[in-house]
N, C-alpha and C. Protein backbone atom coordinates (compact mmCIF):
# COMPACT_ATOMS: atom_id res chain seq x y z
N MET A 1 23.24 52.81 71.18
CA MET A 1 24.70 52.31 70.21
C MET A 1 25.96 52.88 70.97
N ILE A 2 26.44 53.24 71.77
CA ILE A 2 27.29 53.48 72.91
C ILE A 2 27.28 51.61 73.40
N ALA A 3 26.43 51.39 74.36
CA ALA A 3 26.22 50.26 74.32
C ALA A 3 26.64 48.39 73.85
N ARG A 4 26.41 48.86 72.49
CA ARG A 4 26.18 47.82 71.53
C ARG A 4 27.71 47.97 71.36
N ARG A 5 28.96 49.04 71.34
CA ARG A 5 30.07 48.49 71.13
C ARG A 5 30.98 47.84 72.94
N THR A 6 30.75 48.85 73.28
CA THR A 6 30.89 48.08 74.47
C THR A 6 30.96 46.35 74.59
N THR A 7 29.94 46.35 73.93
CA THR A 7 29.50 44.55 73.98
C THR A 7 30.91 44.01 73.55
N ARG A 8 30.74 44.28 71.90
CA ARG A 8 31.44 44.07 71.01
C ARG A 8 32.95 43.87 71.19
N ARG A 9 33.92 44.68 72.38
CA ARG A 9 34.72 45.47 72.35
C ARG A 9 35.28 43.83 74.07
N GLN A 10 34.08 43.84 74.29
CA GLN A 10 34.45 42.91 75.17
C GLN A 10 34.34 41.12 74.92
N ALA A 11 33.18 40.66 73.94
CA ALA A 11 33.32 39.86 73.37
C ALA A 11 34.88 39.36 72.71
N GLY A 12 34.99 40.61 71.60
CA GLY A 12 36.53 40.20 71.30
C GLY A 12 37.69 39.70 72.28
N PHE A 13 37.00 40.62 73.59
CA PHE A 13 38.19 40.02 74.23
C PHE A 13 39.06 39.02 74.92
N THR A 14 37.41 37.96 75.35
CA THR A 14 36.70 37.35 75.53
C THR A 14 37.34 36.01 74.46
N LEU A 15 37.37 36.56 73.20
CA LEU A 15 38.12 35.71 72.44
C LEU A 15 39.31 35.33 72.71
N MET A 16 40.07 36.30 72.66
CA MET A 16 41.00 36.32 72.61
C MET A 16 41.54 35.97 74.14
N GLU A 17 41.32 35.73 74.72
CA GLU A 17 41.55 35.26 76.42
C GLU A 17 41.29 33.48 76.07
N VAL A 18 40.62 33.02 75.22
CA VAL A 18 40.04 32.00 74.74
C VAL A 18 41.56 30.95 73.98
N LEU A 19 42.05 32.06 73.09
CA LEU A 19 42.69 31.83 72.20
C LEU A 19 44.34 31.68 73.38
N VAL A 20 43.94 32.11 74.24
CA VAL A 20 45.33 32.29 74.41
C VAL A 20 45.77 31.08 75.51
N ALA A 21 44.47 30.50 75.98
CA ALA A 21 44.37 29.67 76.80
C ALA A 21 44.58 28.47 76.29
N ILE A 22 44.43 28.16 75.29
CA ILE A 22 44.59 26.81 74.10
C ILE A 22 45.55 26.85 73.99
N VAL A 23 46.11 27.93 73.24
CA VAL A 23 48.53 28.26 73.55
C VAL A 23 48.41 27.37 74.36
N ILE A 24 48.28 27.65 75.21
CA ILE A 24 48.86 27.70 76.90
C ILE A 24 48.72 26.05 77.12
N PHE A 25 47.59 25.93 76.80
CA PHE A 25 47.13 24.42 77.05
C PHE A 25 47.69 23.17 76.50
N ALA A 26 48.53 23.89 75.26
CA ALA A 26 48.88 22.98 73.53
C ALA A 26 50.74 22.82 74.50
N ILE A 27 50.97 23.89 75.01
CA ILE A 27 51.77 23.80 75.01
C ILE A 27 52.08 23.33 76.37
N SER A 28 51.59 23.26 77.27
CA SER A 28 51.71 22.79 78.65
C SER A 28 51.49 20.87 78.45
N ILE A 29 50.42 20.37 77.41
CA ILE A 29 50.62 19.05 76.83
C ILE A 29 51.48 18.28 76.25
N VAL A 30 52.31 18.97 74.99
CA VAL A 30 53.58 18.57 75.66
C VAL A 30 54.36 18.66 76.28
N GLY A 31 54.74 19.42 76.87
CA GLY A 31 55.50 19.63 78.09
C GLY A 31 55.16 18.46 78.97
N LEU A 32 54.12 17.80 79.27
CA LEU A 32 53.92 16.43 79.64
C LEU A 32 53.50 15.25 79.15
N VAL A 33 53.78 15.56 77.68
CA VAL A 33 54.35 14.60 76.53
C VAL A 33 55.73 13.78 76.74
N ALA A 34 56.35 15.21 77.19
CA ALA A 34 58.06 15.17 76.59
C ALA A 34 58.65 14.29 78.63
N MET A 35 58.03 14.26 78.92
CA MET A 35 58.07 14.43 80.69
C MET A 35 58.06 13.01 80.85
N GLU A 36 56.42 12.72 80.41
CA GLU A 36 56.61 11.70 80.60
C GLU A 36 57.06 10.38 79.94
N ALA A 37 57.62 10.66 78.59
CA ALA A 37 58.43 10.24 77.62
C ALA A 37 59.94 10.22 78.56
N ARG A 38 60.41 10.75 79.04
CA ARG A 38 61.89 10.74 79.96
C ARG A 38 61.86 9.96 80.93
N SER A 39 60.10 9.88 81.77
CA SER A 39 60.40 9.00 83.01
C SER A 39 60.47 7.76 82.30
N ALA A 40 59.69 7.37 81.81
CA ALA A 40 59.72 5.73 80.89
C ALA A 40 61.23 5.55 80.34
N GLU A 41 62.47 6.02 79.92
CA GLU A 41 63.27 6.52 79.94
C GLU A 41 64.00 6.14 80.83
N ALA A 42 63.81 6.54 82.15
CA ALA A 42 64.66 6.52 83.72
C ALA A 42 64.13 5.21 84.41
N GLN A 43 62.77 5.20 83.43
CA GLN A 43 62.53 3.67 84.68
C GLN A 43 62.62 2.60 83.60
N ARG A 44 63.50 2.95 82.82
CA ARG A 44 63.94 1.25 81.80
C ARG A 44 65.58 0.74 82.16
N ALA A 45 66.66 2.58 82.41
CA ALA A 45 67.79 2.36 82.30
C ALA A 45 67.63 1.86 83.68
N SER A 46 66.27 2.27 84.67
CA SER A 46 66.71 1.97 86.03
C SER A 46 66.68 0.22 86.33
N SER A 47 65.91 0.13 85.60
CA SER A 47 64.90 -1.65 85.82
C SER A 47 66.69 -2.13 85.13
N LEU A 48 67.16 -1.85 83.86
CA LEU A 48 68.53 -2.63 83.40
C LEU A 48 69.40 -2.68 84.67
N LEU A 49 69.72 -1.47 84.94
CA LEU A 49 70.72 -1.30 86.48
C LEU A 49 70.66 -2.39 87.58
N ARG A 50 69.38 -2.22 87.68
CA ARG A 50 69.21 -3.47 88.91
C ARG A 50 69.12 -4.89 88.31
N ASP A 51 68.46 -5.01 87.70
CA ASP A 51 68.79 -6.58 86.88
C ASP A 51 70.34 -7.11 86.57
N GLY A 52 71.20 -6.07 85.96
CA GLY A 52 72.95 -6.11 85.75
C GLY A 52 73.66 -5.91 87.31
N GLU A 53 73.19 -5.60 88.58
CA GLU A 53 73.49 -5.39 89.54
C GLU A 53 72.83 -6.43 89.94
N ARG A 54 72.20 -7.09 89.59
CA ARG A 54 71.58 -8.04 90.92
C ARG A 54 72.26 -10.00 90.14
N ILE A 55 72.45 -9.25 88.92
CA ILE A 55 72.80 -10.24 87.88
C ILE A 55 74.74 -10.27 88.47
N ALA A 56 75.29 -9.33 88.35
CA ALA A 56 76.40 -9.19 89.05
C ALA A 56 76.74 -9.47 90.36
N GLN A 57 76.17 -9.54 91.70
CA GLN A 57 75.71 -10.51 92.60
C GLN A 57 75.52 -12.15 92.84
N GLU A 58 75.70 -12.54 92.41
CA GLU A 58 74.96 -13.81 91.78
C GLU A 58 76.04 -14.24 91.52
N VAL A 59 76.75 -13.58 90.29
CA VAL A 59 77.83 -14.45 89.79
C VAL A 59 78.78 -14.74 90.87
N MET A 60 78.96 -13.45 91.36
CA MET A 60 80.09 -12.93 92.19
C MET A 60 79.80 -14.08 93.81
N ALA A 61 78.67 -14.20 93.68
CA ALA A 61 78.62 -15.47 94.78
C ALA A 61 78.96 -16.58 94.77
N ASP A 62 78.15 -16.49 93.21
CA ASP A 62 79.21 -18.14 92.76
C ASP A 62 80.66 -18.57 93.18
N LEU A 63 81.50 -17.25 91.72
CA LEU A 63 82.68 -17.32 92.84
C LEU A 63 83.32 -17.62 94.06
N GLN A 64 83.10 -16.58 95.39
CA GLN A 64 83.29 -17.18 96.24
C GLN A 64 83.16 -18.57 96.40
N ALA A 65 82.18 -19.09 96.52
CA ALA A 65 82.06 -20.08 96.84
C ALA A 65 82.94 -21.54 96.59
N GLN A 66 83.30 -20.64 95.24
CA GLN A 66 84.52 -22.07 95.34
C GLN A 66 85.42 -21.93 96.35
N GLY A 67 86.10 -22.66 96.39
CA GLY A 67 87.48 -23.29 97.19
C GLY A 67 88.48 -22.03 96.38
N PHE A 68 89.28 -21.35 97.01
CA PHE A 68 90.86 -20.82 96.79
C PHE A 68 91.48 -21.83 95.74
N THR A 69 91.55 -22.89 96.84
CA THR A 69 92.35 -24.20 95.55
C THR A 69 91.93 -24.28 94.55
N GLN A 70 91.00 -24.62 94.27
CA GLN A 70 89.85 -24.63 93.53
C GLN A 70 90.08 -23.78 92.29
N LEU A 71 90.24 -22.50 92.41
CA LEU A 71 90.70 -21.10 91.58
C LEU A 71 91.83 -20.87 91.41
N LEU A 72 92.42 -21.65 91.85
CA LEU A 72 93.98 -21.42 91.57
C LEU A 72 94.61 -22.89 90.32
N THR A 73 93.08 -23.62 90.67
CA THR A 73 94.12 -25.57 89.69
C THR A 73 93.04 -25.19 88.66
N TYR A 74 92.28 -25.13 88.31
CA TYR A 74 91.42 -24.43 87.45
C TYR A 74 90.79 -23.47 86.56
N ASP A 75 90.67 -23.31 85.74
CA ASP A 75 90.02 -21.89 84.74
C ASP A 75 88.62 -21.66 84.49
N PHE A 76 88.19 -20.86 83.55
CA PHE A 76 86.65 -20.90 83.85
C PHE A 76 86.19 -21.98 82.21
N GLU A 77 86.70 -22.86 82.06
CA GLU A 77 86.86 -23.73 81.00
C GLU A 77 87.21 -25.16 80.99
N GLY A 78 87.79 -25.08 82.51
CA GLY A 78 88.01 -26.17 83.52
C GLY A 78 90.30 -26.67 83.07
N ASN A 79 90.50 -25.99 82.39
CA ASN A 79 91.73 -26.68 82.15
C ASN A 79 93.04 -25.91 83.05
N PRO A 80 93.67 -27.14 83.88
CA PRO A 80 94.35 -27.62 84.53
C PRO A 80 96.07 -26.94 84.32
N PRO A 81 96.75 -26.58 84.93
CA PRO A 81 96.67 -25.07 85.88
C PRO A 81 96.67 -23.84 85.15
N PRO A 82 95.42 -22.88 85.68
CA PRO A 82 95.44 -21.29 84.22
C PRO A 82 96.84 -20.42 85.08
N ALA A 83 97.03 -19.94 84.22
CA ALA A 83 97.75 -18.65 84.59
C ALA A 83 97.48 -17.94 85.09
N LEU A 84 97.83 -16.95 86.02
CA LEU A 84 96.92 -15.59 86.78
C LEU A 84 97.49 -13.96 86.28
N PRO A 85 96.65 -13.14 85.73
CA PRO A 85 94.59 -13.43 85.97
C PRO A 85 94.40 -14.22 84.84
N TYR A 86 93.62 -14.65 84.76
CA TYR A 86 92.15 -15.32 83.50
C TYR A 86 91.19 -14.77 83.83
N ASP A 87 90.17 -15.15 82.27
CA ASP A 87 89.17 -15.37 82.25
C ASP A 87 88.28 -15.72 81.78
N ASP A 88 87.37 -15.40 80.97
CA ASP A 88 86.84 -16.54 80.94
C ASP A 88 85.96 -15.76 79.24
N THR A 89 86.75 -14.90 78.36
CA THR A 89 86.61 -14.96 77.44
C THR A 89 86.91 -15.76 76.70
N ALA A 90 87.35 -15.91 76.58
CA ALA A 90 87.57 -17.94 75.77
C ALA A 90 86.31 -18.83 75.41
N ILE A 91 85.56 -18.31 76.53
CA ILE A 91 83.90 -19.09 76.50
C ILE A 91 83.30 -17.76 75.56
N PRO A 92 82.74 -19.15 74.49
CA PRO A 92 81.54 -18.78 73.23
C PRO A 92 80.86 -17.28 74.21
N PRO A 93 80.35 -16.33 73.72
CA PRO A 93 79.31 -15.46 74.93
C PRO A 93 78.15 -15.93 75.04
N ALA A 94 77.39 -16.32 73.84
CA ALA A 94 75.70 -17.04 73.81
C ALA A 94 76.10 -17.42 75.22
N SER A 95 76.98 -18.34 75.57
CA SER A 95 77.04 -19.05 76.80
C SER A 95 77.16 -17.91 78.14
N ARG A 96 77.42 -16.86 77.86
CA ARG A 96 77.81 -16.00 79.06
C ARG A 96 76.55 -15.38 79.14
N THR A 97 75.68 -15.23 78.67
CA THR A 97 74.15 -14.52 78.97
C THR A 97 73.22 -14.70 79.72
N ARG A 98 73.03 -13.50 80.38
CA ARG A 98 71.90 -13.60 81.12
C ARG A 98 70.13 -13.09 80.46
N ASP A 99 69.12 -13.41 81.64
CA ASP A 99 67.63 -12.79 81.24
C ASP A 99 67.67 -11.45 81.51
N PHE A 100 67.12 -10.63 81.35
CA PHE A 100 66.51 -9.18 81.55
C PHE A 100 65.22 -9.69 82.13
N ARG A 101 64.84 -9.30 83.75
CA ARG A 101 63.59 -9.98 84.26
C ARG A 101 63.64 -10.90 84.56
N ARG A 102 64.39 -11.97 84.81
CA ARG A 102 63.98 -12.89 84.56
C ARG A 102 63.57 -13.24 86.54
N PRO A 103 62.25 -14.14 86.56
CA PRO A 103 61.75 -13.81 87.78
C PRO A 103 62.01 -15.01 88.03
N PRO A 104 62.22 -15.57 89.69
CA PRO A 104 62.73 -16.50 90.73
C PRO A 104 62.01 -17.60 89.84
N SER A 105 63.43 -18.82 90.06
CA SER A 105 62.61 -19.87 89.21
C SER A 105 63.88 -20.52 89.98
N ASP A 106 63.69 -21.70 90.08
CA ASP A 106 64.56 -23.10 90.39
C ASP A 106 64.67 -24.21 89.11
N GLN A 107 64.14 -23.15 87.80
CA GLN A 107 64.80 -24.24 86.55
C GLN A 107 66.32 -23.85 86.13
N PRO A 108 66.76 -24.73 85.16
CA PRO A 108 67.85 -23.78 84.57
C PRO A 108 67.75 -22.68 83.54
N ALA A 109 68.94 -22.25 83.62
CA ALA A 109 69.34 -20.80 83.39
C ALA A 109 69.13 -20.84 81.90
N ALA A 110 68.96 -21.43 81.14
CA ALA A 110 68.93 -21.45 79.92
C ALA A 110 67.62 -22.14 79.38
N THR A 111 66.54 -22.77 80.74
CA THR A 111 65.08 -22.46 80.53
C THR A 111 64.57 -21.12 80.23
N ASN A 112 63.86 -21.64 78.69
CA ASN A 112 62.46 -20.16 79.07
C ASN A 112 61.56 -19.79 80.00
N VAL A 113 61.79 -18.55 80.99
CA VAL A 113 61.09 -18.33 81.57
C VAL A 113 60.17 -17.87 81.41
N PRO A 114 58.84 -17.60 81.49
CA PRO A 114 57.58 -16.44 81.14
C PRO A 114 58.05 -14.73 81.74
N GLY A 115 58.14 -13.91 81.02
CA GLY A 115 58.43 -12.62 81.39
C GLY A 115 59.74 -12.01 81.40
N SER A 116 60.54 -13.15 81.51
CA SER A 116 62.19 -12.81 81.19
C SER A 116 62.11 -12.48 79.44
N ILE A 117 63.45 -11.75 79.28
CA ILE A 117 64.06 -10.81 78.26
C ILE A 117 65.24 -12.49 77.94
N ARG A 118 65.22 -12.59 76.87
CA ARG A 118 66.67 -13.65 77.34
C ARG A 118 67.79 -12.97 76.30
N GLY A 119 68.61 -12.74 76.79
CA GLY A 119 70.49 -13.41 76.49
C GLY A 119 70.44 -11.23 76.86
N SER A 120 70.12 -10.22 77.74
CA SER A 120 69.95 -9.52 77.27
C SER A 120 70.83 -8.84 78.35
N PHE A 121 71.78 -9.59 79.21
CA PHE A 121 73.27 -9.43 79.85
C PHE A 121 74.46 -10.38 79.72
N LEU A 122 75.61 -9.49 79.18
CA LEU A 122 76.73 -10.22 78.90
C LEU A 122 77.35 -10.43 80.28
N VAL A 123 77.80 -11.44 81.10
CA VAL A 123 79.09 -11.90 81.95
C VAL A 123 80.35 -11.91 81.73
N VAL A 124 81.48 -11.38 82.08
CA VAL A 124 83.19 -11.34 82.06
C VAL A 124 83.45 -11.77 83.44
N ARG A 125 84.34 -12.94 84.26
CA ARG A 125 84.67 -13.27 84.85
C ARG A 125 86.38 -13.31 84.81
N ARG A 126 86.96 -12.63 85.71
CA ARG A 126 88.02 -12.59 85.94
C ARG A 126 88.84 -13.09 87.20
N VAL A 127 89.85 -13.35 87.18
CA VAL A 127 90.54 -14.17 88.47
C VAL A 127 91.62 -13.47 88.39
N GLY A 128 92.37 -12.62 89.29
CA GLY A 128 94.16 -12.44 89.25
C GLY A 128 94.36 -12.71 90.63
N HIS A 129 95.94 -12.46 90.53
CA HIS A 129 96.26 -12.65 92.60
C HIS A 129 97.37 -12.15 92.56
N VAL A 130 97.67 -11.63 94.22
CA VAL A 130 97.59 -10.95 94.64
C VAL A 130 99.60 -11.42 95.76
N TYR A 131 100.57 -11.31 95.73
CA TYR A 131 101.97 -11.82 96.29
C TYR A 131 102.73 -10.68 96.78
N SER A 132 103.90 -11.27 96.78
CA SER A 132 104.52 -10.08 97.71
C SER A 132 105.72 -10.30 96.46
N ALA A 133 106.62 -9.32 96.42
CA ALA A 133 107.56 -9.09 95.51
C ALA A 133 108.66 -9.33 96.02
N LEU A 134 108.94 -9.42 97.36
CA LEU A 134 109.53 -9.96 97.72
C LEU A 134 109.97 -11.62 98.47
N ASN A 135 108.67 -12.03 97.89
CA ASN A 135 108.84 -13.71 97.74
C ASN A 135 107.16 -14.08 97.22
N PRO A 136 107.61 -13.96 95.20
CA PRO A 136 106.93 -13.87 94.64
C PRO A 136 106.25 -15.80 94.31
N PRO A 137 105.37 -16.35 93.65
CA PRO A 137 105.11 -17.54 93.14
C PRO A 137 106.43 -18.20 92.48
N SER A 138 107.06 -19.47 92.34
CA SER A 138 107.98 -19.49 92.02
C SER A 138 108.11 -19.27 90.11
N ALA A 139 106.68 -19.49 90.04
CA ALA A 139 106.11 -19.80 88.16
C ALA A 139 104.81 -19.17 88.85
N ASN A 140 104.39 -19.00 87.30
CA ASN A 140 102.91 -18.63 86.36
C ASN A 140 102.49 -19.62 85.81
N PRO A 141 101.84 -20.26 85.78
CA PRO A 141 100.95 -20.70 87.03
C PRO A 141 101.56 -21.05 87.83
N PRO A 142 100.56 -20.82 88.96
CA PRO A 142 101.99 -20.73 90.29
C PRO A 142 102.12 -22.90 90.62
N VAL A 143 102.49 -22.68 91.02
CA VAL A 143 103.19 -24.71 91.50
C VAL A 143 102.70 -24.92 92.66
N LEU A 144 101.59 -25.78 92.44
CA LEU A 144 100.55 -26.25 93.84
C LEU A 144 101.02 -27.44 94.45
N PRO A 145 101.57 -27.82 95.47
CA PRO A 145 100.80 -27.08 96.18
C PRO A 145 102.61 -26.18 97.04
N THR A 146 103.60 -26.40 96.30
CA THR A 146 104.84 -25.69 96.78
C THR A 146 104.32 -23.67 96.82
N ASP A 147 103.88 -23.19 95.91
CA ASP A 147 103.58 -22.39 95.77
C ASP A 147 102.72 -21.73 96.34
N LEU A 148 101.73 -22.49 97.02
CA LEU A 148 99.81 -22.30 97.23
C LEU A 148 100.11 -20.99 98.68
N PRO A 149 101.19 -21.05 99.91
CA PRO A 149 101.47 -20.33 100.73
C PRO A 149 102.04 -19.02 100.34
N LEU A 150 102.11 -18.73 99.03
CA LEU A 150 102.64 -17.84 98.36
C LEU A 150 102.28 -16.91 97.51
N VAL A 151 100.78 -17.54 97.32
CA VAL A 151 99.88 -16.05 96.91
C VAL A 151 98.31 -15.68 98.07
N ASN A 152 98.61 -14.67 98.42
CA ASN A 152 98.62 -13.90 99.98
C ASN A 152 96.98 -13.44 99.70
N ALA A 153 96.48 -13.29 97.66
CA ALA A 153 95.49 -13.22 97.91
C ALA A 153 94.87 -13.34 96.88
N LEU A 154 93.69 -13.73 95.97
CA LEU A 154 93.02 -13.45 94.49
C LEU A 154 92.27 -12.53 94.77
N VAL A 155 92.18 -11.85 93.46
CA VAL A 155 90.96 -10.40 92.95
C VAL A 155 90.50 -11.15 92.13
N LEU A 156 88.66 -10.68 92.34
CA LEU A 156 87.84 -11.31 91.52
C LEU A 156 86.93 -10.81 91.25
N ASP A 157 86.66 -10.15 89.78
CA ASP A 157 86.44 -9.77 89.17
C ASP A 157 84.40 -9.95 88.44
N VAL A 158 84.17 -9.18 88.55
CA VAL A 158 82.96 -9.28 87.92
C VAL A 158 82.29 -8.64 86.59
N LEU A 159 82.40 -8.89 85.77
CA LEU A 159 81.32 -7.45 84.47
C LEU A 159 80.84 -8.10 83.99
N VAL A 160 79.67 -7.19 84.20
CA VAL A 160 78.28 -7.41 83.86
C VAL A 160 78.07 -6.00 82.77
N MET A 161 77.17 -6.34 80.86
CA MET A 161 77.51 -5.30 80.26
C MET A 161 76.33 -5.74 79.63
N TRP A 162 75.02 -4.23 79.24
CA TRP A 162 74.23 -4.42 78.47
C TRP A 162 74.05 -3.22 77.34
N ILE A 163 73.12 -3.40 76.59
CA ILE A 163 72.59 -1.84 75.88
C ILE A 163 71.89 -1.54 76.21
N ASP A 164 71.95 -0.19 76.15
CA ASP A 164 71.44 1.04 77.04
C ASP A 164 70.41 1.51 75.94
N ASP A 165 69.63 1.21 75.67
CA ASP A 165 68.61 2.02 74.59
C ASP A 165 67.41 3.06 74.70
N SER A 166 68.10 2.86 76.30
CA SER A 166 67.07 3.88 77.30
C SER A 166 66.84 5.63 76.74
N ASN A 167 68.22 5.94 75.91
CA ASN A 167 68.97 7.08 75.55
C ASN A 167 68.11 7.27 74.22
N PRO A 168 67.38 8.12 74.08
CA PRO A 168 67.55 8.08 72.61
C PRO A 168 68.19 8.95 71.68
N THR A 169 68.91 9.86 72.14
CA THR A 169 70.01 10.82 72.21
C THR A 169 70.91 10.12 71.93
N MET A 170 71.11 9.10 72.03
CA MET A 170 72.50 8.08 72.05
C MET A 170 72.09 7.20 71.62
N PRO A 171 71.53 6.48 70.29
CA PRO A 171 70.41 5.24 70.42
C PRO A 171 71.72 4.11 69.57
N PRO A 172 71.59 3.11 69.99
CA PRO A 172 72.72 1.75 70.36
C PRO A 172 72.09 1.66 67.72
N PRO A 173 73.53 0.96 67.70
CA PRO A 173 72.88 0.98 65.83
C PRO A 173 72.25 -0.06 66.18
N ALA A 174 71.34 -0.57 65.60
CA ALA A 174 70.02 -1.16 65.62
C ALA A 174 70.59 -3.37 64.89
N ASP A 175 71.76 -3.10 64.55
CA ASP A 175 72.51 -4.48 64.48
C ASP A 175 73.28 -4.87 65.47
N LEU A 176 73.57 -3.94 66.36
CA LEU A 176 74.56 -4.11 67.65
C LEU A 176 74.03 -5.96 68.77
N LEU A 177 74.72 -6.59 69.19
CA LEU A 177 73.89 -7.73 69.74
C LEU A 177 74.90 -7.62 71.03
N VAL A 178 73.99 -8.22 71.76
CA VAL A 178 75.15 -8.21 73.85
C VAL A 178 76.06 -9.26 73.51
N THR A 179 76.15 -10.07 72.62
CA THR A 179 77.11 -11.26 71.95
C THR A 179 78.64 -10.15 71.84
N ASP A 180 78.03 -9.13 71.20
CA ASP A 180 79.61 -8.16 70.55
C ASP A 180 79.53 -7.20 71.42
N LEU A 181 79.51 -7.21 72.64
CA LEU A 181 79.89 -6.46 73.93
C LEU A 181 81.51 -6.85 73.91
N THR A 182 82.54 -6.11 74.45
CA THR A 182 83.55 -6.13 75.27
C THR A 182 84.01 -4.89 76.35
N PRO A 183 84.52 -5.47 77.21
CA PRO A 183 85.29 -4.25 78.25
C PRO A 183 85.10 -3.78 77.89
N ALA A 184 86.12 -3.19 76.58
CA ALA A 184 86.86 -1.88 76.55
C ALA A 184 85.74 -1.09 76.37
N MET A 185 84.24 -1.31 75.71
CA MET A 185 83.78 -0.55 75.24
C MET A 185 82.77 0.99 76.38
N VAL A 186 83.05 -0.26 77.73
CA VAL A 186 82.75 0.36 78.76
C VAL A 186 84.22 0.97 79.51
N ASP A 187 84.72 1.33 78.82
CA ASP A 187 86.10 2.13 79.36
C ASP A 187 86.01 3.15 78.83
N PRO A 188 86.19 4.18 79.66
CA PRO A 188 86.23 5.96 78.92
C PRO A 188 87.47 6.09 78.25
N ALA A 189 88.56 5.45 78.69
CA ALA A 189 90.11 6.03 78.17
C ALA A 189 90.07 5.21 77.15
N SER A 190 89.10 3.94 76.52
CA SER A 190 89.68 3.48 75.17
C SER A 190 88.73 4.44 74.42
N VAL A 191 89.55 3.48 73.30
CA VAL A 191 88.81 4.08 71.69
C VAL A 191 88.38 3.31 71.52
N GLU A 192 87.34 2.43 72.22
CA GLU A 192 86.46 1.61 71.89
C GLU A 192 85.21 1.94 72.63
N PHE A 193 84.75 3.20 73.82
CA PHE A 193 83.76 3.34 74.50
C PHE A 193 82.61 3.22 73.99
N ARG A 194 81.63 3.09 73.76
CA ARG A 194 80.64 3.75 73.41
C ARG A 194 79.71 3.69 75.01
N PRO A 195 79.05 5.21 74.44
CA PRO A 195 78.04 5.52 75.76
C PRO A 195 77.08 4.88 75.51
N TYR A 196 76.59 3.75 75.05
CA TYR A 196 75.44 3.13 74.68
C TYR A 196 75.67 1.67 75.57
N VAL A 197 76.13 1.80 76.25
CA VAL A 197 77.04 0.43 76.60
C VAL A 197 76.90 0.56 78.53
N GLY A 198 75.90 -0.29 79.01
CA GLY A 198 75.74 -0.08 80.10
C GLY A 198 76.43 -1.63 80.92
N ALA A 199 77.18 -0.61 81.84
CA ALA A 199 77.99 -1.64 82.57
C ALA A 199 77.68 -1.64 84.44
N VAL A 200 77.98 -2.09 85.20
CA VAL A 200 77.92 -2.65 86.08
C VAL A 200 79.05 -3.48 86.95
N GLN A 201 80.30 -3.23 87.66
CA GLN A 201 81.46 -4.13 87.86
C GLN A 201 81.73 -4.25 89.72
N LEU A 202 81.80 -5.27 90.22
CA LEU A 202 81.95 -6.06 91.35
C LEU A 202 83.31 -6.52 91.29
N ARG A 203 84.43 -6.33 92.76
CA ARG A 203 85.68 -6.19 92.72
C ARG A 203 85.58 -7.00 94.17
N THR A 204 85.78 -7.90 94.27
CA THR A 204 86.03 -8.53 95.41
C THR A 204 87.82 -9.46 96.11
N VAL A 205 88.90 -8.81 97.19
CA VAL A 205 89.97 -9.55 97.09
C VAL A 205 89.97 -10.44 97.62
N ARG A 206 90.02 -11.81 97.77
CA ARG A 206 89.94 -12.51 99.20
C ARG A 206 90.88 -13.40 99.41
N ALA A 207 91.04 -13.52 100.95
CA ALA A 207 92.38 -13.61 101.33
C ALA A 207 92.25 -14.88 100.92
N ASN A 208 93.86 -15.69 101.19
CA ASN A 208 94.32 -16.92 101.08
C ASN A 208 93.40 -17.42 102.22
N ASP A 209 92.42 -18.31 102.09
CA ASP A 209 92.31 -19.36 103.19
C ASP A 209 92.79 -20.76 103.50
N ALA A 210 93.64 -20.99 102.77
CA ALA A 210 93.91 -22.97 101.88
C ALA A 210 94.85 -22.64 102.44
N VAL A 211 95.86 -21.91 103.58
CA VAL A 211 97.11 -22.22 103.71
C VAL A 211 96.72 -22.31 105.59
N VAL A 212 97.37 -23.53 106.06
CA VAL A 212 97.49 -23.51 107.25
C VAL A 212 98.50 -22.69 107.66
N VAL A 213 98.90 -22.21 108.41
CA VAL A 213 99.21 -21.66 109.56
C VAL A 213 99.70 -22.31 110.55
N VAL A 214 100.89 -22.82 110.59
CA VAL A 214 101.81 -23.94 111.94
C VAL A 214 102.45 -23.30 112.91
N PRO A 215 102.35 -22.82 113.64
CA PRO A 215 102.39 -22.09 115.19
C PRO A 215 103.99 -22.83 115.04
């Protein structure tokens, strides 16, 4: 009789251990699923950032490839002469978008390439100038070639923006389009700032290399 009671106690204790183990296992599974979801979100955010950086570097390289005088003579729409600073916000946003995960290709940017997501990034360019307050250009736009030596440098800015949907705690509106983005959305000091808009900004100061100094 005593032996049977001992057996029942041991069996009950073993069942309790199983229940506790099941609860711990269930909690662990929930934690692993949450970690996996956060990992996927982090990977997508990192992938968007890398593509944004690549696009910004490509656009900046295109700007730097233009001649110093050319940047002073024409704006991004090809209108002469541009008042400084000028940007390309007058150009339709749809023509300033870039694809996400676009693989290397020698095809035009407007051509569909398998594996890319069209129109995921919006590019904004800006050109400003640096001059001496003691000897400024005679006008704005600078009068060329007279004012060319008075422009010490050009400031080239490239801003690449995208909709960052990787954070479920701050989701973007379902109807928000990349072409709706504006630079104010990535400025924390602006009332238009939106935490779900990602951005990469590059700035280069290009010294005046068009002036020939006569000894």
